[in-house]
PDB file of N, CA and C in Angstrom:
ATOM      1  N   MET A   1       8.025 -42.386 -13.945  1.00  0.00           N
ATOM      2  CA  MET A   1       6.637 -41.794 -14.168  1.00  0.00           C
ATOM      3  C   MET A   1       5.481 -42.546 -13.318  1.00  0.00           C
ATOM      4  N   LEU A   2       4.676 -41.859 -12.771  1.00  0.00           N
ATOM      5  CA  LEU A   2       3.588 -42.554 -12.067  1.00  0.00           C
ATOM      6  C   LEU A   2       2.457 -42.957 -13.003  1.00  0.00           C
ATOM      7  N   LYS A   3       1.786 -44.031 -12.669  1.00  0.00           N
ATOM      8  CA  LYS A   3       0.816 -44.479 -13.529  1.00  0.00           C
ATOM      9  C   LYS A   3      -0.383 -43.575 -13.533  1.00  0.00           C
ATOM     10  N   GLU A   4      -0.527 -42.770 -12.469  1.00  0.00           N
ATOM     11  CA  GLU A   4      -1.676 -41.754 -12.366  1.00  0.00           C
ATOM     12  C   GLU A   4      -1.417 -40.518 -13.060  1.00  0.00           C
ATOM     13  N   SER A   5      -0.251 -40.385 -13.715  1.00  0.00           N
ATOM     14  CA  SER A   5       0.167 -39.197 -14.438  1.00  0.00           C
ATOM     15  C   SER A   5      -0.755 -38.878 -15.589  1.00  0.00           C
ATOM     16  N   PRO A   6      -1.060 -37.769 -15.868  1.00  0.00           N
ATOM     17  CA  PRO A   6      -2.000 -37.321 -17.063  1.00  0.00           C
ATOM     18  C   PRO A   6      -1.305 -37.675 -18.391  1.00  0.00           C
ATOM     19  N   LEU A   7      -2.135 -37.854 -19.365  1.00  0.00           N
ATOM     20  CA  LEU A   7      -1.607 -38.322 -20.687  1.00  0.00           C
ATOM     21  C   LEU A   7      -0.617 -37.177 -21.167  1.00  0.00           C
ATOM     22  N   SER A   8      -0.915 -35.928 -20.891  1.00  0.00           N
ATOM     23  CA  SER A   8      -0.130 -34.814 -21.393  1.00  0.00           C
ATOM     24  C   SER A   8       1.385 -34.974 -20.850  1.00  0.00           C
ATOM     25  N   VAL A   9       1.527 -35.530 -19.599  1.00  0.00           N
ATOM     26  CA  VAL A   9       2.778 -35.700 -19.139  1.00  0.00           C
ATOM     27  C   VAL A   9       3.464 -36.952 -19.693  1.00  0.00           C
ATOM     28  N   LEU A  10       2.686 -37.930 -19.971  1.00  0.00           N
ATOM     29  CA  LEU A  10       3.257 -39.119 -20.759  1.00  0.00           C
ATOM     30  C   LEU A  10       3.713 -38.704 -22.173  1.00  0.00           C
ATOM     31  N   ALA A  11       3.031 -37.828 -22.830  1.00  0.00           N
ATOM     32  CA  ALA A  11       3.410 -37.449 -24.244  1.00  0.00           C
ATOM     33  C   ALA A  11       4.645 -36.480 -24.063  1.00  0.00           C
ATOM     34  N   GLU A  12       4.781 -35.687 -23.112  1.00  0.00           N
ATOM     35  CA  GLU A  12       5.898 -34.886 -22.889  1.00  0.00           C
ATOM     36  C   GLU A  12       7.088 -35.782 -22.661  1.00  0.00           C
ATOM     37  N   ALA A  13       6.968 -36.885 -21.877  1.00  0.00           N
ATOM     38  CA  ALA A  13       8.085 -37.688 -21.649  1.00  0.00           C
ATOM     39  C   ALA A  13       8.607 -38.473 -22.865  1.00  0.00           C
ATOM     40  N   VAL A  14       7.495 -38.999 -23.617  1.00  0.00           N
ATOM     41  CA  VAL A  14       7.778 -39.760 -24.810  1.00  0.00           C
ATOM     42  C   VAL A  14       8.588 -38.787 -25.873  1.00  0.00           C
ATOM     43  N   ARG A  15       8.110 -37.571 -26.002  1.00  0.00           N
ATOM     44  CA  ARG A  15       8.788 -36.670 -26.818  1.00  0.00           C
ATOM     45  C   ARG A  15      10.238 -36.319 -26.476  1.00  0.00           C
ATOM     46  N   ALA A  16      10.425 -36.264 -25.170  1.00  0.00           N
ATOM     47  CA  ALA A  16      11.852 -35.945 -24.664  1.00  0.00           C
ATOM     48  C   ALA A  16      12.740 -37.146 -24.935  1.00  0.00           C
ATOM     49  N   VAL A  17      12.184 -38.375 -24.620  1.00  0.00           N
ATOM     50  CA  VAL A  17      13.106 -39.518 -24.848  1.00  0.00           C
ATOM     51  C   VAL A  17      13.331 -39.783 -26.323  1.00  0.00           C
ATOM     52  N   ALA A  18      12.236 -39.557 -27.132  1.00  0.00           N
ATOM     53  CA  ALA A  18      12.349 -39.864 -28.628  1.00  0.00           C
ATOM     54  C   ALA A  18      13.460 -38.836 -29.156  1.00  0.00           C
ATOM     55  N   SER A  19      13.552 -37.665 -28.689  1.00  0.00           N
ATOM     56  CA  SER A  19      14.527 -36.753 -29.127  1.00  0.00           C
ATOM     57  C   SER A  19      15.924 -36.923 -28.641  1.00  0.00           C
ATOM     58  N   GLY A  20      16.092 -38.044 -27.895  1.00  0.00           N
ATOM     59  CA  GLY A  20      17.460 -38.364 -27.382  1.00  0.00           C
ATOM     60  C   GLY A  20      17.696 -37.844 -26.086  1.00  0.00           C
ATOM     61  N   GLY A  21      16.756 -37.168 -25.440  1.00  0.00           N
ATOM     62  CA  GLY A  21      16.842 -36.709 -24.069  1.00  0.00           C
ATOM     63  C   GLY A  21      16.427 -37.813 -23.002  1.00  0.00           C
ATOM     64  N   ALA A  22      16.423 -37.203 -21.742  1.00  0.00           N
ATOM     65  CA  ALA A  22      16.048 -38.079 -20.708  1.00  0.00           C
ATOM     66  C   ALA A  22      14.869 -37.377 -20.057  1.00  0.00           C
ATOM     67  N   TRP A  23      13.929 -38.159 -19.349  1.00  0.00           N
ATOM     68  CA  TRP A  23      12.858 -37.515 -18.658  1.00  0.00           C
ATOM     69  C   TRP A  23      12.690 -38.279 -17.327  1.00  0.00           C
ATOM     70  N   LEU A  24      12.458 -37.433 -16.283  1.00  0.00           N
ATOM     71  CA  LEU A  24      12.258 -37.890 -14.903  1.00  0.00           C
ATOM     72  C   LEU A  24      11.269 -36.929 -14.184  1.00  0.00           C
ATOM     73  N   ASP A  25      10.182 -37.664 -13.642  1.00  0.00           N
ATOM     74  CA  ASP A  25       9.212 -36.911 -13.013  1.00  0.00           C
ATOM     75  C   ASP A  25       9.894 -35.979 -11.833  1.00  0.00           C
ATOM     76  N   GLN A  26       9.485 -34.676 -11.857  1.00  0.00           N
ATOM     77  CA  GLN A  26      10.086 -33.688 -10.982  1.00  0.00           C
ATOM     78  C   GLN A  26       9.945 -34.082  -9.492  1.00  0.00           C
ATOM     79  N   ARG A  27       8.830 -34.746  -9.166  1.00  0.00           N
ATOM     80  CA  ARG A  27       8.660 -35.183  -7.739  1.00  0.00           C
ATOM     81  C   ARG A  27       9.775 -36.243  -7.331  1.00  0.00           C
ATOM     82  N   PHE A  28      10.065 -37.089  -8.149  1.00  0.00           N
ATOM     83  CA  PHE A  28      11.163 -38.033  -8.023  1.00  0.00           C
ATOM     84  C   PHE A  28      12.461 -37.411  -7.924  1.00  0.00           C
ATOM     85  N   LEU A  29      12.849 -36.486  -8.803  1.00  0.00           N
ATOM     86  CA  LEU A  29      14.020 -35.718  -8.840  1.00  0.00           C
ATOM     87  C   LEU A  29      14.235 -34.940  -7.580  1.00  0.00           C
ATOM     88  N   ARG A  30      13.222 -34.391  -7.052  1.00  0.00           N
ATOM     89  CA  ARG A  30      13.310 -33.593  -5.804  1.00  0.00           C
ATOM     90  C   ARG A  30      13.664 -34.578  -4.648  1.00  0.00           C
ATOM     91  N   ALA A  31      12.863 -35.721  -4.688  1.00  0.00           N
ATOM     92  CA  ALA A  31      13.028 -36.582  -3.578  1.00  0.00           C
ATOM     93  C   ALA A  31      14.405 -37.110  -3.689  1.00  0.00           C
ATOM     94  N   LEU A  32      15.003 -37.456  -4.827  1.00  0.00           N
ATOM     95  CA  LEU A  32      16.353 -38.135  -4.921  1.00  0.00           C
ATOM     96  C   LEU A  32      17.330 -36.999  -4.513  1.00  0.00           C
ATOM     97  N   ALA A  33      17.154 -35.747  -4.892  1.00  0.00           N
ATOM     98  CA  ALA A  33      18.062 -34.580  -4.561  1.00  0.00           C
ATOM     99  C   ALA A  33      17.937 -34.242  -3.060  1.00  0.00           C
ATOM    100  N   GLY A  34      16.822 -34.482  -2.477  1.00  0.00           N
ATOM    101  CA  GLY A  34      16.597 -34.153  -1.096  1.00  0.00           C
ATOM    102  C   GLY A  34      16.269 -32.624  -0.948  1.00  0.00           C
ATOM    103  N   THR A  35      15.698 -32.106  -2.031  1.00  0.00           N
ATOM    104  CA  THR A  35      15.404 -30.545  -2.026  1.00  0.00           C
ATOM    105  C   THR A  35      13.949 -30.262  -1.824  1.00  0.00           C
ATOM    106  N   GLU A  36      13.657 -29.179  -1.277  1.00  0.00           N
ATOM    107  CA  GLU A  36      12.274 -28.865  -1.160  1.00  0.00           C
ATOM    108  C   GLU A  36      11.797 -28.275  -2.661  1.00  0.00           C
ATOM    109  N   PRO A  37      10.399 -28.328  -2.899  1.00  0.00           N
ATOM    110  CA  PRO A  37       9.942 -27.694  -4.134  1.00  0.00           C
ATOM    111  C   PRO A  37      10.367 -26.360  -4.244  1.00  0.00           C
ATOM    112  N   ALA A  38      10.682 -26.001  -5.574  1.00  0.00           N
ATOM    113  CA  ALA A  38      10.919 -24.579  -5.879  1.00  0.00           C
ATOM    114  C   ALA A  38       9.808 -23.700  -5.676  1.00  0.00           C
ATOM    115  N   GLU A  39       9.985 -22.367  -5.497  1.00  0.00           N
ATOM    116  CA  GLU A  39       8.933 -21.396  -5.369  1.00  0.00           C
ATOM    117  C   GLU A  39       8.001 -21.426  -6.479  1.00  0.00           C
ATOM    118  N   GLY A  40       6.659 -21.650  -6.239  1.00  0.00           N
ATOM    119  CA  GLY A  40       5.649 -21.708  -7.128  1.00  0.00           C
ATOM    120  C   GLY A  40       5.368 -22.993  -7.499  1.00  0.00           C
ATOM    121  N   ALA A  41       6.121 -24.080  -7.062  1.00  0.00           N
ATOM    122  CA  ALA A  41       5.859 -25.500  -7.281  1.00  0.00           C
ATOM    123  C   ALA A  41       4.868 -25.994  -6.214  1.00  0.00           C
ATOM    124  N   GLU A  42       4.415 -27.125  -6.293  1.00  0.00           N
ATOM    125  CA  GLU A  42       3.438 -27.690  -5.220  1.00  0.00           C
ATOM    126  C   GLU A  42       4.123 -27.733  -3.949  1.00  0.00           C
ATOM    127  N   SER A  43       3.361 -27.339  -2.798  1.00  0.00           N
ATOM    128  CA  SER A  43       3.916 -27.325  -1.584  1.00  0.00           C
ATOM    129  C   SER A  43       3.740 -28.519  -0.807  1.00  0.00           C
ATOM    130  N   LYS A  44       4.398 -28.742   0.266  1.00  0.00           N
ATOM    131  CA  LYS A  44       4.361 -30.000   1.066  1.00  0.00           C
ATOM    132  C   LYS A  44       2.901 -30.258   1.356  1.00  0.00           C
ATOM    133  N   ALA A  45       2.426 -31.489   1.169  1.00  0.00           N
ATOM    134  CA  ALA A  45       1.044 -31.767   1.504  1.00  0.00           C
ATOM    135  C   ALA A  45       0.808 -31.863   2.945  1.00  0.00           C
ATOM    136  N   THR A  46      -0.358 -31.594   3.401  1.00  0.00           N
ATOM    137  CA  THR A  46      -0.739 -31.686   4.722  1.00  0.00           C
ATOM    138  C   THR A  46      -1.282 -33.150   4.962  1.00  0.00           C
ATOM    139  N   LEU A  47      -0.848 -33.821   6.062  1.00  0.00           N
ATOM    140  CA  LEU A  47      -1.263 -35.247   6.266  1.00  0.00           C
ATOM    141  C   LEU A  47      -2.595 -35.200   7.013  1.00  0.00           C
ATOM    142  N   SER A  48      -3.389 -36.149   6.738  1.00  0.00           N
ATOM    143  CA  SER A  48      -4.681 -36.371   7.561  1.00  0.00           C
ATOM    144  C   SER A  48      -4.363 -37.075   8.811  1.00  0.00           C
ATOM    145  N   ASP A  49      -5.317 -37.025   9.630  1.00  0.00           N
ATOM    146  CA  ASP A  49      -5.148 -37.647  11.023  1.00  0.00           C
ATOM    147  C   ASP A  49      -4.777 -39.089  10.879  1.00  0.00           C
ATOM    148  N   ARG A  50      -5.553 -39.815   9.966  1.00  0.00           N
ATOM    149  CA  ARG A  50      -5.229 -41.209   9.801  1.00  0.00           C
ATOM    150  C   ARG A  50      -3.890 -41.541   9.199  1.00  0.00           C
ATOM    151  N   GLU A  51      -3.482 -40.613   8.241  1.00  0.00           N
ATOM    152  CA  GLU A  51      -2.032 -40.790   7.600  1.00  0.00           C
ATOM    153  C   GLU A  51      -1.024 -40.500   8.612  1.00  0.00           C
ATOM    154  N   ARG A  52      -1.240 -39.592   9.537  1.00  0.00           N
ATOM    155  CA  ARG A  52      -0.267 -39.365  10.729  1.00  0.00           C
ATOM    156  C   ARG A  52      -0.124 -40.640  11.636  1.00  0.00           C
ATOM    157  N   LYS A  53      -1.251 -41.156  11.887  1.00  0.00           N
ATOM    158  CA  LYS A  53      -1.279 -42.352  12.708  1.00  0.00           C
ATOM    159  C   LYS A  53      -0.472 -43.567  12.084  1.00  0.00           C
ATOM    160  N   ILE A  54      -0.919 -43.772  10.876  1.00  0.00           N
ATOM    161  CA  ILE A  54      -0.331 -44.771  10.140  1.00  0.00           C
ATOM    162  C   ILE A  54       1.230 -44.629   9.911  1.00  0.00           C
ATOM    163  N   LEU A  55       1.638 -43.315   9.666  1.00  0.00           N
ATOM    164  CA  LEU A  55       3.071 -43.081   9.639  1.00  0.00           C
ATOM    165  C   LEU A  55       3.807 -43.361  10.936  1.00  0.00           C
ATOM    166  N   ARG A  56       3.207 -43.020  12.152  1.00  0.00           N
ATOM    167  CA  ARG A  56       3.828 -43.344  13.455  1.00  0.00           C
ATOM    168  C   ARG A  56       3.988 -44.845  13.501  1.00  0.00           C
ATOM    169  N   CYS A  57       3.017 -45.542  13.082  1.00  0.00           N
ATOM    170  CA  CYS A  57       3.035 -47.071  13.243  1.00  0.00           C
ATOM    171  C   CYS A  57       4.178 -47.459  12.283  1.00  0.00           C
ATOM    172  N   LEU A  58       4.277 -46.956  11.168  1.00  0.00           N
ATOM    173  CA  LEU A  58       5.256 -47.427  10.262  1.00  0.00           C
ATOM    174  C   LEU A  58       6.558 -47.092  10.780  1.00  0.00           C
ATOM    175  N   LEU A  59       6.711 -45.930  11.291  1.00  0.00           N
ATOM    176  CA  LEU A  59       8.040 -45.689  11.954  1.00  0.00           C
ATOM    177  C   LEU A  59       8.449 -46.608  13.151  1.00  0.00           C
ATOM    178  N   GLU A  60       7.511 -47.167  13.685  1.00  0.00           N
ATOM    179  CA  GLU A  60       7.745 -48.233  14.685  1.00  0.00           C
ATOM    180  C   GLU A  60       7.972 -49.495  14.151  1.00  0.00           C
ATOM    181  N   GLY A  61       7.931 -49.730  12.825  1.00  0.00           N
ATOM    182  CA  GLY A  61       8.265 -50.899  12.115  1.00  0.00           C
ATOM    183  C   GLY A  61       7.089 -51.930  12.069  1.00  0.00           C
ATOM    184  N   LEU A  62       6.003 -51.399  12.282  1.00  0.00           N
ATOM    185  CA  LEU A  62       4.780 -52.357  12.235  1.00  0.00           C
ATOM    186  C   LEU A  62       4.413 -52.654  10.739  1.00  0.00           C
ATOM    187  N   GLY A  63       3.912 -53.845  10.452  1.00  0.00           N
ATOM    188  CA  GLY A  63       3.311 -54.311   9.264  1.00  0.00           C
ATOM    189  C   GLY A  63       1.953 -53.806   9.049  1.00  0.00           C
ATOM    190  N   ASN A  64       1.414 -54.013   7.854  1.00  0.00           N
ATOM    191  CA  ASN A  64       0.034 -53.496   7.493  1.00  0.00           C
ATOM    192  C   ASN A  64      -0.856 -54.193   8.608  1.00  0.00           C
ATOM    193  N   LYS A  65      -0.801 -55.522   8.725  1.00  0.00           N
ATOM    194  CA  LYS A  65      -1.809 -56.244   9.613  1.00  0.00           C
ATOM    195  C   LYS A  65      -1.719 -55.648  11.061  1.00  0.00           C
ATOM    196  N   GLU A  66      -0.564 -55.409  11.520  1.00  0.00           N
ATOM    197  CA  GLU A  66      -0.399 -54.864  12.921  1.00  0.00           C
ATOM    198  C   GLU A  66      -0.850 -53.399  12.961  1.00  0.00           C
ATOM    199  N   ILE A  67      -0.630 -52.612  11.975  1.00  0.00           N
ATOM    200  CA  ILE A  67      -1.201 -51.288  12.033  1.00  0.00           C
ATOM    201  C   ILE A  67      -2.729 -51.304  12.045  1.00  0.00           C
ATOM    202  N   ALA A  68      -3.334 -52.213  11.159  1.00  0.00           N
ATOM    203  CA  ALA A  68      -4.773 -52.344  11.107  1.00  0.00           C
ATOM    204  C   ALA A  68      -5.281 -52.688  12.443  1.00  0.00           C
ATOM    205  N   GLY A  69      -4.605 -53.546  13.149  1.00  0.00           N
ATOM    206  CA  GLY A  69      -5.075 -54.102  14.479  1.00  0.00           C
ATOM    207  C   GLY A  69      -5.018 -52.930  15.545  1.00  0.00           C
ATOM    208  N   ARG A  70      -3.873 -52.163  15.500  1.00  0.00           N
ATOM    209  CA  ARG A  70      -3.699 -51.134  16.469  1.00  0.00           C
ATOM    210  C   ARG A  70      -4.712 -49.926  16.221  1.00  0.00           C
ATOM    211  N   LEU A  71      -5.046 -49.663  14.979  1.00  0.00           N
ATOM    212  CA  LEU A  71      -5.795 -48.541  14.584  1.00  0.00           C
ATOM    213  C   LEU A  71      -7.350 -48.904  14.525  1.00  0.00           C
ATOM    214  N   LEU A  72      -7.609 -50.368  14.645  1.00  0.00           N
ATOM    215  CA  LEU A  72      -8.985 -50.835  14.485  1.00  0.00           C
ATOM    216  C   LEU A  72      -9.646 -50.389  13.173  1.00  0.00           C
ATOM    217  N   ILE A  73      -8.833 -50.599  12.125  1.00  0.00           N
ATOM    218  CA  ILE A  73      -9.359 -50.405  10.737  1.00  0.00           C
ATOM    219  C   ILE A  73      -8.882 -51.707   9.952  1.00  0.00           C
ATOM    220  N   SER A  74      -9.493 -51.845   8.694  1.00  0.00           N
ATOM    221  CA  SER A  74      -9.091 -52.950   7.956  1.00  0.00           C
ATOM    222  C   SER A  74      -7.670 -52.786   7.329  1.00  0.00           C
ATOM    223  N   GLU A  75      -7.075 -54.026   7.030  1.00  0.00           N
ATOM    224  CA  GLU A  75      -5.831 -54.009   6.328  1.00  0.00           C
ATOM    225  C   GLU A  75      -5.949 -53.160   4.999  1.00  0.00           C
ATOM    226  N   THR A  76      -7.064 -53.406   4.269  1.00  0.00           N
ATOM    227  CA  THR A  76      -7.257 -52.708   2.978  1.00  0.00           C
ATOM    228  C   THR A  76      -7.189 -51.204   3.338  1.00  0.00           C
ATOM    229  N   ALA A  77      -7.809 -50.703   4.361  1.00  0.00           N
ATOM    230  CA  ALA A  77      -7.673 -49.240   4.725  1.00  0.00           C
ATOM    231  C   ALA A  77      -6.244 -48.795   4.800  1.00  0.00           C
ATOM    232  N   VAL A  78      -5.465 -49.556   5.557  1.00  0.00           N
ATOM    233  CA  VAL A  78      -4.022 -49.346   5.755  1.00  0.00           C
ATOM    234  C   VAL A  78      -3.323 -49.191   4.316  1.00  0.00           C
ATOM    235  N   LYS A  79      -3.659 -50.192   3.566  1.00  0.00           N
ATOM    236  CA  LYS A  79      -2.924 -50.299   2.263  1.00  0.00           C
ATOM    237  C   LYS A  79      -3.385 -49.033   1.329  1.00  0.00           C
ATOM    238  N   THR A  80      -4.541 -48.653   1.483  1.00  0.00           N
ATOM    239  CA  THR A  80      -5.043 -47.472   0.584  1.00  0.00           C
ATOM    240  C   THR A  80      -4.444 -46.154   1.198  1.00  0.00           C
ATOM    241  N   ALA A  81      -4.364 -46.082   2.547  1.00  0.00           N
ATOM    242  CA  ALA A  81      -3.728 -44.905   3.039  1.00  0.00           C
ATOM    243  C   ALA A  81      -2.270 -44.772   2.735  1.00  0.00           C
ATOM    244  N   LEU A  82      -1.532 -45.990   2.644  1.00  0.00           N
ATOM    245  CA  LEU A  82      -0.095 -45.947   2.356  1.00  0.00           C
ATOM    246  C   LEU A  82       0.024 -45.564   0.743  1.00  0.00           C
ATOM    247  N   GLN A  83      -0.945 -45.980  -0.005  1.00  0.00           N
ATOM    248  CA  GLN A  83      -0.857 -45.536  -1.403  1.00  0.00           C
ATOM    249  C   GLN A  83      -1.046 -44.095  -1.509  1.00  0.00           C
ATOM    250  N   GLN A  84      -1.965 -43.513  -0.758  1.00  0.00           N
ATOM    251  CA  GLN A  84      -2.220 -42.015  -0.837  1.00  0.00           C
ATOM    252  C   GLN A  84      -0.953 -41.345  -0.209  1.00  0.00           C
ATOM    253  N   LEU A  85      -0.279 -41.956   0.794  1.00  0.00           N
ATOM    254  CA  LEU A  85       0.861 -41.237   1.214  1.00  0.00           C
ATOM    255  C   LEU A  85       2.035 -41.213   0.233  1.00  0.00           C
ATOM    256  N   PHE A  86       2.211 -42.479  -0.610  1.00  0.00           N
ATOM    257  CA  PHE A  86       3.151 -42.571  -1.509  1.00  0.00           C
ATOM    258  C   PHE A  86       2.922 -41.460  -2.591  1.00  0.00           C
ATOM    259  N   GLN A  87       1.663 -41.316  -2.971  1.00  0.00           N
ATOM    260  CA  GLN A  87       1.276 -40.357  -3.930  1.00  0.00           C
ATOM    261  C   GLN A  87       1.584 -38.909  -3.498  1.00  0.00           C
ATOM    262  N   LYS A  88       1.170 -38.643  -2.264  1.00  0.00           N
ATOM    263  CA  LYS A  88       1.304 -37.259  -1.669  1.00  0.00           C
ATOM    264  C   LYS A  88       2.908 -36.882  -1.545  1.00  0.00           C
ATOM    265  N   THR A  89       3.619 -37.878  -1.235  1.00  0.00           N
ATOM    266  CA  THR A  89       5.125 -37.565  -0.984  1.00  0.00           C
ATOM    267  C   THR A  89       5.833 -37.904  -2.179  1.00  0.00           C
ATOM    268  N   GLY A  90       5.357 -38.505  -3.201  1.00  0.00           N
ATOM    269  CA  GLY A  90       6.107 -38.804  -4.464  1.00  0.00           C
ATOM    270  C   GLY A  90       7.184 -39.931  -4.355  1.00  0.00           C
ATOM    271  N   VAL A  91       6.901 -40.874  -3.503  1.00  0.00           N
ATOM    272  CA  VAL A  91       7.814 -42.034  -3.319  1.00  0.00           C
ATOM    273  C   VAL A  91       7.175 -43.311  -3.808  1.00  0.00           C
ATOM    274  N   ARG A  92       7.981 -44.331  -3.723  1.00  0.00           N
ATOM    275  CA  ARG A  92       7.464 -45.628  -4.363  1.00  0.00           C
ATOM    276  C   ARG A  92       7.596 -46.816  -3.429  1.00  0.00           C
ATOM    277  N   SER A  93       8.265 -46.529  -2.333  1.00  0.00           N
ATOM    278  CA  SER A  93       8.463 -47.682  -1.249  1.00  0.00           C
ATOM    279  C   SER A  93       8.295 -47.288   0.126  1.00  0.00           C
ATOM    280  N   ARG A  94       8.081 -48.235   1.099  1.00  0.00           N
ATOM    281  CA  ARG A  94       7.944 -47.925   2.400  1.00  0.00           C
ATOM    282  C   ARG A  94       9.159 -47.293   3.010  1.00  0.00           C
ATOM    283  N   SER A  95      10.235 -47.756   2.550  1.00  0.00           N
ATOM    284  CA  SER A  95      11.491 -47.253   3.071  1.00  0.00           C
ATOM    285  C   SER A  95      11.862 -45.751   2.760  1.00  0.00           C
ATOM    286  N   GLN A  96      11.374 -45.452   1.441  1.00  0.00           N
ATOM    287  CA  GLN A  96      11.523 -43.989   0.914  1.00  0.00           C
ATOM    288  C   GLN A  96      10.533 -43.214   1.744  1.00  0.00           C
ATOM    289  N   LEU A  97       9.275 -43.731   2.069  1.00  0.00           N
ATOM    290  CA  LEU A  97       8.274 -43.034   2.806  1.00  0.00           C
ATOM    291  C   LEU A  97       8.744 -42.734   4.177  1.00  0.00           C
ATOM    292  N   VAL A  98       9.404 -43.638   4.805  1.00  0.00           N
ATOM    293  CA  VAL A  98       9.932 -43.314   6.100  1.00  0.00           C
ATOM    294  C   VAL A  98      10.953 -42.357   6.065  1.00  0.00           C
ATOM    295  N   ARG A  99      11.763 -42.353   5.086  1.00  0.00           N
ATOM    296  CA  ARG A  99      12.815 -41.232   5.011  1.00  0.00           C
ATOM    297  C   ARG A  99      12.244 -39.914   4.786  1.00  0.00           C
ATOM    298  N   VAL A 100      11.292 -39.899   3.816  1.00  0.00           N
ATOM    299  CA  VAL A 100      10.726 -38.581   3.569  1.00  0.00           C
ATOM    300  C   VAL A 100      10.015 -38.108   4.755  1.00  0.00           C
ATOM    301  N   ALA A 101       9.184 -38.906   5.533  1.00  0.00           N
ATOM    302  CA  ALA A 101       8.435 -38.595   6.730  1.00  0.00           C
ATOM    303  C   ALA A 101       9.420 -37.986   7.701  1.00  0.00           C
ATOM    304  N   LEU A 102      10.575 -38.563   7.910  1.00  0.00           N
ATOM    305  CA  LEU A 102      11.476 -38.055   8.912  1.00  0.00           C
ATOM    306  C   LEU A 102      12.005 -36.663   8.497  1.00  0.00           C
ATOM    307  N   GLU A 103      12.290 -36.593   7.202  1.00  0.00           N
ATOM    308  CA  GLU A 103      12.977 -35.428   6.773  1.00  0.00           C
ATOM    309  C   GLU A 103      12.075 -34.110   6.585  1.00  0.00           C
ATOM    310  N   GLN A 104      10.761 -34.454   5.967  1.00  0.00           N
ATOM    311  CA  GLN A 104       9.938 -33.484   5.619  1.00  0.00           C
ATOM    312  C   GLN A 104       8.692 -33.288   6.534  1.00  0.00           C
ATOM    313  N   TYR A 105       8.227 -34.418   7.183  1.00  0.00           N
ATOM    314  CA  TYR A 105       6.941 -34.269   7.880  1.00  0.00           C
ATOM    315  C   TYR A 105       7.082 -34.494   9.308  1.00  0.00           C
ATOM    316  N   HIS A 106       8.410 -34.487   9.846  1.00  0.00           N
ATOM    317  CA  HIS A 106       8.529 -34.641  11.316  1.00  0.00           C
ATOM    318  C   HIS A 106       7.621 -33.716  12.153  1.00  0.00           C
ATOM    319  N   ASP A 107       7.399 -32.642  11.752  1.00  0.00           N
ATOM    320  CA  ASP A 107       6.511 -31.582  12.448  1.00  0.00           C
ATOM    321  C   ASP A 107       5.071 -32.104  12.473  1.00  0.00           C
ATOM    322  N   GLN A 108       4.650 -33.027  11.603  1.00  0.00           N
ATOM    323  CA  GLN A 108       3.274 -33.374  11.492  1.00  0.00           C
ATOM    324  C   GLN A 108       3.133 -34.662  12.147  1.00  0.00           C
ATOM    325  N   ILE A 109       4.170 -35.487  12.385  1.00  0.00           N
ATOM    326  CA  ILE A 109       4.090 -36.750  13.016  1.00  0.00           C
ATOM    327  C   ILE A 109       4.617 -36.767  14.348  1.00  0.00           C
TER     328      ILE A 109
END
C-alpha cells in the first residue's frame, strides 16, 4: 500500500485482512504480473520532458548527483522527479522503475 493512498483504500485493506483475506494494491499486482491495466482502469501515464530525460540518465546508470549535473538541476529536483516517476508507474525502487520504463515506456524514452 502506498502512503499516498486515500483513507478509503486503507479501510478497504484493513477490512479484507481482518476478515482473513489478503490485500494488494492493484498497481503492484499489475507490475508484478507484467500485465497492462484492464479496460476501464487507469491508462499508462504520459511522461513529462524532465521525467523522460531523467529516465534516460537512469538507464545509463547515472546516480542522482550525476543526473543533476548533466541536466543542470538540483539533486533535490532529481529526487522529486524520481518520486513522481515511482508514483506514476506504481513501483518502489530504481531497479523496478528501469524495468517498467523499458517494458512500458520505451516509446516515450
